């Protein structure tokens, strides 16, 4: 249910998500790709190496020439987010 919460928090700030990419390092990419809340998301399987920073760097390097004007990285464990709306 985390993606609808993120969409709502982003919308509350007057923005709209244009594209959602989920990087799965937990071995559940196939399951995630069929989750109803991710039906319009691109799910990418990565090896479980490194931490979130490595995944962010992977995204920036692979998509450097097609990056959006604004990129929002959201970790799946949300207890330390600066926005109250995104904390679990």
PDB file of N, CA and C in Angstrom:
ATOM      1  N   UNK A   1       0.807  -1.200   0.000  1.00  0.00           N
ATOM      2  CA  UNK A   1       0.000   0.000   0.000  1.00  0.00           C
ATOM      3  C   UNK A   1       0.855   1.271   0.000  1.00  0.00           C
ATOM      4  N   UNK A   2       2.138   1.148  -0.030  1.00  0.00           N
ATOM      5  CA  UNK A   2       2.980   2.328   0.103  1.00  0.00           C
ATOM      6  C   UNK A   2       2.883   3.275  -1.084  1.00  0.00           C
ATOM      7  N   UNK A   3       2.697   2.762  -2.293  1.00  0.00           N
ATOM      8  CA  UNK A   3       2.667   3.646  -3.457  1.00  0.00           C
ATOM      9  C   UNK A   3       1.461   4.594  -3.444  1.00  0.00           C
ATOM     10  N   UNK A   4       0.244   4.141  -3.124  1.00  0.00           N
ATOM     11  CA  UNK A   4      -0.858   5.101  -3.021  1.00  0.00           C
ATOM     12  C   UNK A   4      -0.587   6.186  -1.978  1.00  0.00           C
ATOM     13  N   UNK A   5       0.084   5.834  -0.879  1.00  0.00           N
ATOM     14  CA  UNK A   5       0.419   6.834   0.136  1.00  0.00           C
ATOM     15  C   UNK A   5       1.408   7.860  -0.407  1.00  0.00           C
ATOM     16  N   UNK A   6       2.378   7.387  -1.171  1.00  0.00           N
ATOM     17  CA  UNK A   6       3.352   8.304  -1.780  1.00  0.00           C
ATOM     18  C   UNK A   6       2.652   9.209  -2.789  1.00  0.00           C
ATOM     19  N   UNK A   7       1.802   8.625  -3.634  1.00  0.00           N
ATOM     20  CA  UNK A   7       1.054   9.439  -4.609  1.00  0.00           C
ATOM     21  C   UNK A   7       0.243  10.524  -3.907  1.00  0.00           C
ATOM     22  N   UNK A   8      -0.434  10.160  -2.818  1.00  0.00           N
ATOM     23  CA  UNK A   8      -1.253  11.126  -2.077  1.00  0.00           C
ATOM     24  C   UNK A   8      -0.392  12.224  -1.462  1.00  0.00           C
ATOM     25  N   UNK A   9       0.748  11.855  -0.898  1.00  0.00           N
ATOM     26  CA  UNK A   9       1.632  12.855  -0.294  1.00  0.00           C
ATOM     27  C   UNK A   9       2.184  13.807  -1.343  1.00  0.00           C
ATOM     28  N   UNK A  10       2.546  13.280  -2.488  1.00  0.00           N
ATOM     29  CA  UNK A  10       3.059  14.110  -3.583  1.00  0.00           C
ATOM     30  C   UNK A  10       1.952  15.039  -4.075  1.00  0.00           C
ATOM     31  N   UNK A  11       0.751  14.504  -4.251  1.00  0.00           N
ATOM     32  CA  UNK A  11      -0.385  15.315  -4.708  1.00  0.00           C
ATOM     33  C   UNK A  11      -0.725  16.413  -3.708  1.00  0.00           C
ATOM     34  N   UNK A  12      -0.562  16.124  -2.423  1.00  0.00           N
ATOM     35  CA  UNK A  12      -0.854  17.128  -1.388  1.00  0.00           C
ATOM     36  C   UNK A  12       0.074  18.335  -1.508  1.00  0.00           C
ATOM     37  N   UNK A  13       1.185  18.151  -2.176  1.00  0.00           N
ATOM     38  CA  UNK A  13       2.124  19.253  -2.400  1.00  0.00           C
ATOM     39  C   UNK A  13       1.987  19.839  -3.802  1.00  0.00           C
ATOM     40  N   UNK A  14       0.881  19.515  -4.466  1.00  0.00           N
ATOM     41  CA  UNK A  14       0.582  20.098  -5.770  1.00  0.00           C
ATOM     42  C   UNK A  14       1.328  19.476  -6.930  1.00  0.00           C
ATOM     43  N   UNK A  15       1.850  18.275  -6.751  1.00  0.00           N
ATOM     44  CA  UNK A  15       2.619  17.616  -7.803  1.00  0.00           C
ATOM     45  C   UNK A  15       1.930  16.325  -8.222  1.00  0.00           C
ATOM     46  N   UNK A  16       2.352  15.766  -9.362  1.00  0.00           N
ATOM     47  CA  UNK A  16       1.801  14.506  -9.856  1.00  0.00           C
ATOM     48  C   UNK A  16       2.948  13.636 -10.334  1.00  0.00           C
ATOM     49  N   UNK A  17       2.904  12.370  -9.951  1.00  0.00           N
ATOM     50  CA  UNK A  17       3.925  11.436 -10.432  1.00  0.00           C
ATOM     51  C   UNK A  17       3.667  11.154 -11.902  1.00  0.00           C
ATOM     52  N   UNK A  18       4.681  11.318 -12.718  1.00  0.00           N
ATOM     53  CA  UNK A  18       4.561  11.050 -14.148  1.00  0.00           C
ATOM     54  C   UNK A  18       4.966   9.630 -14.485  1.00  0.00           C
ATOM     55  N   UNK A  19       5.922   9.101 -13.722  1.00  0.00           N
ATOM     56  CA  UNK A  19       6.462   7.778 -14.009  1.00  0.00           C
ATOM     57  C   UNK A  19       6.933   7.170 -12.699  1.00  0.00           C
ATOM     58  N   UNK A  20       6.666   5.894 -12.518  1.00  0.00           N
ATOM     59  CA  UNK A  20       7.080   5.193 -11.307  1.00  0.00           C
ATOM     60  C   UNK A  20       7.947   4.004 -11.717  1.00  0.00           C
ATOM     61  N   UNK A  21       9.128   3.935 -11.127  1.00  0.00           N
ATOM     62  CA  UNK A  21      10.028   2.810 -11.339  1.00  0.00           C
ATOM     63  C   UNK A  21      10.328   2.224  -9.970  1.00  0.00           C
ATOM     64  N   UNK A  22      10.095   0.928  -9.819  1.00  0.00           N
ATOM     65  CA  UNK A  22      10.373   0.233  -8.565  1.00  0.00           C
ATOM     66  C   UNK A  22      11.573  -0.669  -8.798  1.00  0.00           C
ATOM     67  N   UNK A  23      12.617  -0.481  -8.001  1.00  0.00           N
ATOM     68  CA  UNK A  23      13.781  -1.349  -8.063  1.00  0.00           C
ATOM     69  C   UNK A  23      13.634  -2.395  -6.969  1.00  0.00           C
ATOM     70  N   UNK A  24      13.569  -3.647  -7.366  1.00  0.00           N
ATOM     71  CA  UNK A  24      13.398  -4.748  -6.426  1.00  0.00           C
ATOM     72  C   UNK A  24      14.709  -5.484  -6.243  1.00  0.00           C
ATOM     73  N   UNK A  25      15.175  -5.499  -4.995  1.00  0.00           N
ATOM     74  CA  UNK A  25      16.403  -6.215  -4.669  1.00  0.00           C
ATOM     75  C   UNK A  25      16.114  -7.361  -3.713  1.00  0.00           C
ATOM     76  N   UNK A  26      14.840  -7.644  -3.484  1.00  0.00           N
ATOM     77  CA  UNK A  26      14.449  -8.632  -2.483  1.00  0.00           C
ATOM     78  C   UNK A  26      14.029  -9.963  -3.095  1.00  0.00           C
ATOM     79  N   UNK A  27      14.119 -10.091  -4.407  1.00  0.00           N
ATOM     80  CA  UNK A  27      13.705 -11.330  -5.050  1.00  0.00           C
ATOM     81  C   UNK A  27      12.213 -11.434  -5.291  1.00  0.00           C
ATOM     82  N   UNK A  28      11.495 -10.330  -5.161  1.00  0.00           N
ATOM     83  CA  UNK A  28      10.043 -10.346  -5.334  1.00  0.00           C
ATOM     84  C   UNK A  28       9.593  -9.544  -6.551  1.00  0.00           C
ATOM     85  N   UNK A  29      10.446  -9.343  -7.516  1.00  0.00           N
ATOM     86  CA  UNK A  29      10.119  -8.501  -8.669  1.00  0.00           C
ATOM     87  C   UNK A  29       8.894  -9.008  -9.415  1.00  0.00           C
ATOM     88  N   UNK A  30       8.793 -10.324  -9.615  1.00  0.00           N
ATOM     89  CA  UNK A  30       7.642 -10.865 -10.344  1.00  0.00           C
ATOM     90  C   UNK A  30       6.342 -10.608  -9.584  1.00  0.00           C
ATOM     91  N   UNK A  31       6.384 -10.818  -8.279  1.00  0.00           N
ATOM     92  CA  UNK A  31       5.202 -10.558  -7.442  1.00  0.00           C
ATOM     93  C   UNK A  31       4.827  -9.079  -7.471  1.00  0.00           C
ATOM     94  N   UNK A  32       5.818  -8.220  -7.360  1.00  0.00           N
ATOM     95  CA  UNK A  32       5.566  -6.782  -7.376  1.00  0.00           C
ATOM     96  C   UNK A  32       4.998  -6.330  -8.716  1.00  0.00           C
ATOM     97  N   UNK A  33       5.476  -6.914  -9.800  1.00  0.00           N
ATOM     98  CA  UNK A  33       5.006  -6.517 -11.131  1.00  0.00           C
ATOM     99  C   UNK A  33       3.520  -6.793 -11.317  1.00  0.00           C
ATOM    100  N   UNK A  34       2.974  -7.708 -10.532  1.00  0.00           N
ATOM    101  CA  UNK A  34       1.549  -8.047 -10.639  1.00  0.00           C
ATOM    102  C   UNK A  34       0.698  -7.430  -9.535  1.00  0.00           C
ATOM    103  N   UNK A  35       1.295  -6.645  -8.670  1.00  0.00           N
ATOM    104  CA  UNK A  35       0.543  -5.997  -7.590  1.00  0.00           C
ATOM    105  C   UNK A  35      -0.346  -4.908  -8.181  1.00  0.00           C
ATOM    106  N   UNK A  36      -1.614  -4.866  -7.787  1.00  0.00           N
ATOM    107  CA  UNK A  36      -2.544  -3.875  -8.372  1.00  0.00           C
ATOM    108  C   UNK A  36      -2.059  -2.428  -8.245  1.00  0.00           C
ATOM    109  N   UNK A  37      -1.460  -2.077  -7.119  1.00  0.00           N
ATOM    110  CA  UNK A  37      -1.038  -0.683  -6.940  1.00  0.00           C
ATOM    111  C   UNK A  37       0.189  -0.340  -7.784  1.00  0.00           C
ATOM    112  N   UNK A  38       0.820  -1.355  -8.374  1.00  0.00           N
ATOM    113  CA  UNK A  38       1.992  -1.119  -9.219  1.00  0.00           C
ATOM    114  C   UNK A  38       1.705  -1.378 -10.688  1.00  0.00           C
ATOM    115  N   UNK A  39       0.439  -1.453 -11.055  1.00  0.00           N
ATOM    116  CA  UNK A  39       0.080  -1.817 -12.438  1.00  0.00           C
ATOM    117  C   UNK A  39       0.639  -0.844 -13.478  1.00  0.00           C
ATOM    118  N   UNK A  40       0.866   0.396 -13.109  1.00  0.00           N
ATOM    119  CA  UNK A  40       1.413   1.360 -14.063  1.00  0.00           C
ATOM    120  C   UNK A  40       2.892   1.660 -13.794  1.00  0.00           C
ATOM    121  N   UNK A  41       3.514   0.849 -12.937  1.00  0.00           N
ATOM    122  CA  UNK A  41       4.921   1.062 -12.599  1.00  0.00           C
ATOM    123  C   UNK A  41       5.812   0.114 -13.398  1.00  0.00           C
ATOM    124  N   UNK A  42       7.019   0.546 -13.627  1.00  0.00           N
ATOM    125  CA  UNK A  42       8.034  -0.324 -14.202  1.00  0.00           C
ATOM    126  C   UNK A  42       8.782  -0.960 -13.031  1.00  0.00           C
ATOM    127  N   UNK A  43       8.833  -2.275 -12.978  1.00  0.00           N
ATOM    128  CA  UNK A  43       9.542  -2.978 -11.911  1.00  0.00           C
ATOM    129  C   UNK A  43      10.842  -3.530 -12.487  1.00  0.00           C
ATOM    130  N   UNK A  44      11.950  -3.154 -11.864  1.00  0.00           N
ATOM    131  CA  UNK A  44      13.277  -3.548 -12.321  1.00  0.00           C
ATOM    132  C   UNK A  44      13.928  -4.407 -11.239  1.00  0.00           C
ATOM    133  N   UNK A  45      14.393  -5.578 -11.631  1.00  0.00           N
ATOM    134  CA  UNK A  45      15.069  -6.478 -10.694  1.00  0.00           C
ATOM    135  C   UNK A  45      16.555  -6.150 -10.673  1.00  0.00           C
ATOM    136  N   UNK A  46      17.089  -5.978  -9.461  1.00  0.00           N
ATOM    137  CA  UNK A  46      18.521  -5.752  -9.277  1.00  0.00           C
ATOM    138  C   UNK A  46      19.050  -6.776  -8.283  1.00  0.00           C
ATOM    139  N   UNK A  47      20.336  -7.107  -8.360  1.00  0.00           N
ATOM    140  CA  UNK A  47      20.903  -7.990  -7.343  1.00  0.00           C
ATOM    141  C   UNK A  47      20.920  -7.276  -5.990  1.00  0.00           C
ATOM    142  N   UNK A  48      20.808  -8.056  -4.936  1.00  0.00           N
ATOM    143  CA  UNK A  48      20.780  -7.469  -3.595  1.00  0.00           C
ATOM    144  C   UNK A  48      22.203  -7.153  -3.143  1.00  0.00           C
ATOM    145  N   UNK A  49      22.773  -6.147  -3.782  1.00  0.00           N
ATOM    146  CA  UNK A  49      24.133  -5.708  -3.501  1.00  0.00           C
ATOM    147  C   UNK A  49      24.073  -4.223  -3.200  1.00  0.00           C
ATOM    148  N   UNK A  50      24.786  -3.804  -2.188  1.00  0.00           N
ATOM    149  CA  UNK A  50      24.796  -2.390  -1.852  1.00  0.00           C
ATOM    150  C   UNK A  50      23.535  -1.974  -1.116  1.00  0.00           C
ATOM    151  N   UNK A  51      23.415  -0.707  -0.925  1.00  0.00           N
ATOM    152  CA  UNK A  51      22.268  -0.163  -0.199  1.00  0.00           C
ATOM    153  C   UNK A  51      21.477   0.737  -1.146  1.00  0.00           C
ATOM    154  N   UNK A  52      20.623   1.541  -0.581  1.00  0.00           N
ATOM    155  CA  UNK A  52      19.788   2.434  -1.395  1.00  0.00           C
ATOM    156  C   UNK A  52      20.636   3.368  -2.261  1.00  0.00           C
ATOM    157  N   UNK A  53      21.729   3.856  -1.701  1.00  0.00           N
ATOM    158  CA  UNK A  53      22.577   4.778  -2.467  1.00  0.00           C
ATOM    159  C   UNK A  53      23.055   4.149  -3.762  1.00  0.00           C
ATOM    160  N   UNK A  54      23.374   2.857  -3.727  1.00  0.00           N
ATOM    161  CA  UNK A  54      23.792   2.156  -4.934  1.00  0.00           C
ATOM    162  C   UNK A  54      22.688   2.074  -5.963  1.00  0.00           C
ATOM    163  N   UNK A  55      21.474   1.885  -5.478  1.00  0.00           N
ATOM    164  CA  UNK A  55      20.319   1.832  -6.381  1.00  0.00           C
ATOM    165  C   UNK A  55      20.059   3.204  -6.993  1.00  0.00           C
ATOM    166  N   UNK A  56      20.175   4.243  -6.200  1.00  0.00           N
ATOM    167  CA  UNK A  56      19.987   5.598  -6.720  1.00  0.00           C
ATOM    168  C   UNK A  56      21.047   5.899  -7.778  1.00  0.00           C
ATOM    169  N   UNK A  57      22.305   5.527  -7.486  1.00  0.00           N
ATOM    170  CA  UNK A  57      23.382   5.753  -8.453  1.00  0.00           C
ATOM    171  C   UNK A  57      23.135   4.956  -9.737  1.00  0.00           C
ATOM    172  N   UNK A  58      22.646   3.722  -9.598  1.00  0.00           N
ATOM    173  CA  UNK A  58      22.319   2.897 -10.765  1.00  0.00           C
ATOM    174  C   UNK A  58      21.288   3.617 -11.631  1.00  0.00           C
ATOM    175  N   UNK A  59      20.238   4.120 -11.004  1.00  0.00           N
ATOM    176  CA  UNK A  59      19.180   4.819 -11.743  1.00  0.00           C
ATOM    177  C   UNK A  59      19.746   6.036 -12.471  1.00  0.00           C
ATOM    178  N   UNK A  60      20.506   6.852 -11.760  1.00  0.00           N
ATOM    179  CA  UNK A  60      21.058   8.077 -12.353  1.00  0.00           C
ATOM    180  C   UNK A  60      22.003   7.762 -13.509  1.00  0.00           C
ATOM    181  N   UNK A  61      22.820   6.729 -13.349  1.00  0.00           N
ATOM    182  CA  UNK A  61      23.770   6.373 -14.401  1.00  0.00           C
ATOM    183  C   UNK A  61      23.063   5.791 -15.626  1.00  0.00           C
ATOM    184  N   UNK A  62      22.108   4.893 -15.398  1.00  0.00           N
ATOM    185  CA  UNK A  62      21.409   4.238 -16.508  1.00  0.00           C
ATOM    186  C   UNK A  62      20.465   5.178 -17.257  1.00  0.00           C
ATOM    187  N   UNK A  63      19.938   6.148 -16.569  1.00  0.00           N
ATOM    188  CA  UNK A  63      18.922   7.027 -17.167  1.00  0.00           C
ATOM    189  C   UNK A  63      19.395   8.480 -17.278  1.00  0.00           C
ATOM    190  N   UNK A  64      20.687   8.680 -17.217  1.00  0.00           N
ATOM    191  CA  UNK A  64      21.241  10.034 -17.203  1.00  0.00           C
ATOM    192  C   UNK A  64      20.724  10.896 -18.345  1.00  0.00           C
ATOM    193  N   UNK A  65      20.661  10.347 -19.539  1.00  0.00           N
ATOM    194  CA  UNK A  65      20.255  11.126 -20.708  1.00  0.00           C
ATOM    195  C   UNK A  65      18.749  11.330 -20.813  1.00  0.00           C
ATOM    196  N   UNK A  66      17.981  10.681 -19.941  1.00  0.00           N
ATOM    197  CA  UNK A  66      16.519  10.824 -20.009  1.00  0.00           C
ATOM    198  C   UNK A  66      15.908  11.117 -18.639  1.00  0.00           C
ATOM    199  N   UNK A  67      16.707  11.690 -17.731  1.00  0.00           N
ATOM    200  CA  UNK A  67      16.196  11.996 -16.402  1.00  0.00           C
ATOM    201  C   UNK A  67      15.093  13.050 -16.468  1.00  0.00           C
ATOM    202  N   UNK A  68      14.118  12.880 -15.604  1.00  0.00           N
ATOM    203  CA  UNK A  68      13.078  13.901 -15.474  1.00  0.00           C
ATOM    204  C   UNK A  68      13.671  15.143 -14.813  1.00  0.00           C
ATOM    205  N   UNK A  69      12.951  16.250 -14.902  1.00  0.00           N
ATOM    206  CA  UNK A  69      13.414  17.475 -14.248  1.00  0.00           C
ATOM    207  C   UNK A  69      13.505  17.298 -12.736  1.00  0.00           C
ATOM    208  N   UNK A  70      12.598  16.490 -12.186  1.00  0.00           N
ATOM    209  CA  UNK A  70      12.587  16.190 -10.755  1.00  0.00           C
ATOM    210  C   UNK A  70      12.510  14.678 -10.603  1.00  0.00           C
ATOM    211  N   UNK A  71      13.394  14.129  -9.776  1.00  0.00           N
ATOM    212  CA  UNK A  71      13.398  12.696  -9.490  1.00  0.00           C
ATOM    213  C   UNK A  71      13.222  12.537  -7.982  1.00  0.00           C
ATOM    214  N   UNK A  72      12.256  11.742  -7.589  1.00  0.00           N
ATOM    215  CA  UNK A  72      11.975  11.496  -6.175  1.00  0.00           C
ATOM    216  C   UNK A  72      12.316  10.044  -5.876  1.00  0.00           C
ATOM    217  N   UNK A  73      13.299   9.834  -4.998  1.00  0.00           N
ATOM    218  CA  UNK A  73      13.648   8.484  -4.572  1.00  0.00           C
ATOM    219  C   UNK A  73      12.934   8.224  -3.253  1.00  0.00           C
ATOM    220  N   UNK A  74      12.246   7.104  -3.166  1.00  0.00           N
ATOM    221  CA  UNK A  74      11.499   6.752  -1.960  1.00  0.00           C
ATOM    222  C   UNK A  74      11.924   5.370  -1.522  1.00  0.00           C
ATOM    223  N   UNK A  75      12.402   5.258  -0.305  1.00  0.00           N
ATOM    224  CA  UNK A  75      12.803   3.980   0.257  1.00  0.00           C
ATOM    225  C   UNK A  75      11.558   3.269   0.773  1.00  0.00           C
ATOM    226  N   UNK A  76      11.538   1.945   0.700  1.00  0.00           N
ATOM    227  CA  UNK A  76      10.332   1.217   1.111  1.00  0.00           C
ATOM    228  C   UNK A  76      10.118   1.214   2.618  1.00  0.00           C
ATOM    229  N   UNK A  77      11.121   1.490   3.410  1.00  0.00           N
ATOM    230  CA  UNK A  77      10.929   1.660   4.852  1.00  0.00           C
ATOM    231  C   UNK A  77      10.950   3.152   5.128  1.00  0.00           C
ATOM    232  N   UNK A  78       9.852   3.659   5.637  1.00  0.00           N
ATOM    233  CA  UNK A  78       9.612   5.096   5.587  1.00  0.00           C
ATOM    234  C   UNK A  78       9.664   5.814   6.929  1.00  0.00           C
ATOM    235  N   UNK A  79      10.191   5.203   7.963  1.00  0.00           N
ATOM    236  CA  UNK A  79      10.124   5.807   9.283  1.00  0.00           C
ATOM    237  C   UNK A  79      10.959   7.065   9.448  1.00  0.00           C
ATOM    238  N   UNK A  80      11.907   7.329   8.568  1.00  0.00           N
ATOM    239  CA  UNK A  80      12.774   8.488   8.750  1.00  0.00           C
ATOM    240  C   UNK A  80      12.626   9.550   7.656  1.00  0.00           C
ATOM    241  N   UNK A  81      11.486   9.568   6.974  1.00  0.00           N
ATOM    242  CA  UNK A  81      11.289  10.563   5.929  1.00  0.00           C
ATOM    243  C   UNK A  81      11.001  11.927   6.523  1.00  0.00           C
ATOM    244  N   UNK A  82      11.464  12.978   5.861  1.00  0.00           N
ATOM    245  CA  UNK A  82      11.212  14.327   6.366  1.00  0.00           C
ATOM    246  C   UNK A  82       9.750  14.749   6.267  1.00  0.00           C
ATOM    247  N   UNK A  83       8.977  14.139   5.367  1.00  0.00           N
ATOM    248  CA  UNK A  83       7.558  14.490   5.257  1.00  0.00           C
ATOM    249  C   UNK A  83       6.740  13.550   6.128  1.00  0.00           C
ATOM    250  N   UNK A  84       5.951  14.114   7.032  1.00  0.00           N
ATOM    251  CA  UNK A  84       5.129  13.286   7.915  1.00  0.00           C
ATOM    252  C   UNK A  84       4.245  12.328   7.119  1.00  0.00           C
ATOM    253  N   UNK A  85       3.760  12.763   5.951  1.00  0.00           N
ATOM    254  CA  UNK A  85       2.833  11.947   5.161  1.00  0.00           C
ATOM    255  C   UNK A  85       3.481  10.672   4.658  1.00  0.00           C
ATOM    256  N   UNK A  86       4.799  10.617   4.601  1.00  0.00           N
ATOM    257  CA  UNK A  86       5.486   9.458   4.063  1.00  0.00           C
ATOM    258  C   UNK A  86       6.041   8.533   5.137  1.00  0.00           C
ATOM    259  N   UNK A  87       5.868   8.889   6.401  1.00  0.00           N
ATOM    260  CA  UNK A  87       6.346   8.031   7.477  1.00  0.00           C
ATOM    261  C   UNK A  87       5.344   6.935   7.757  1.00  0.00           C
ATOM    262  N   UNK A  88       5.833   5.734   7.984  1.00  0.00           N
ATOM    263  CA  UNK A  88       4.961   4.581   8.292  1.00  0.00           C
ATOM    264  C   UNK A  88       4.458   4.682   9.717  1.00  0.00           C
TER     265      UNK A  88
END
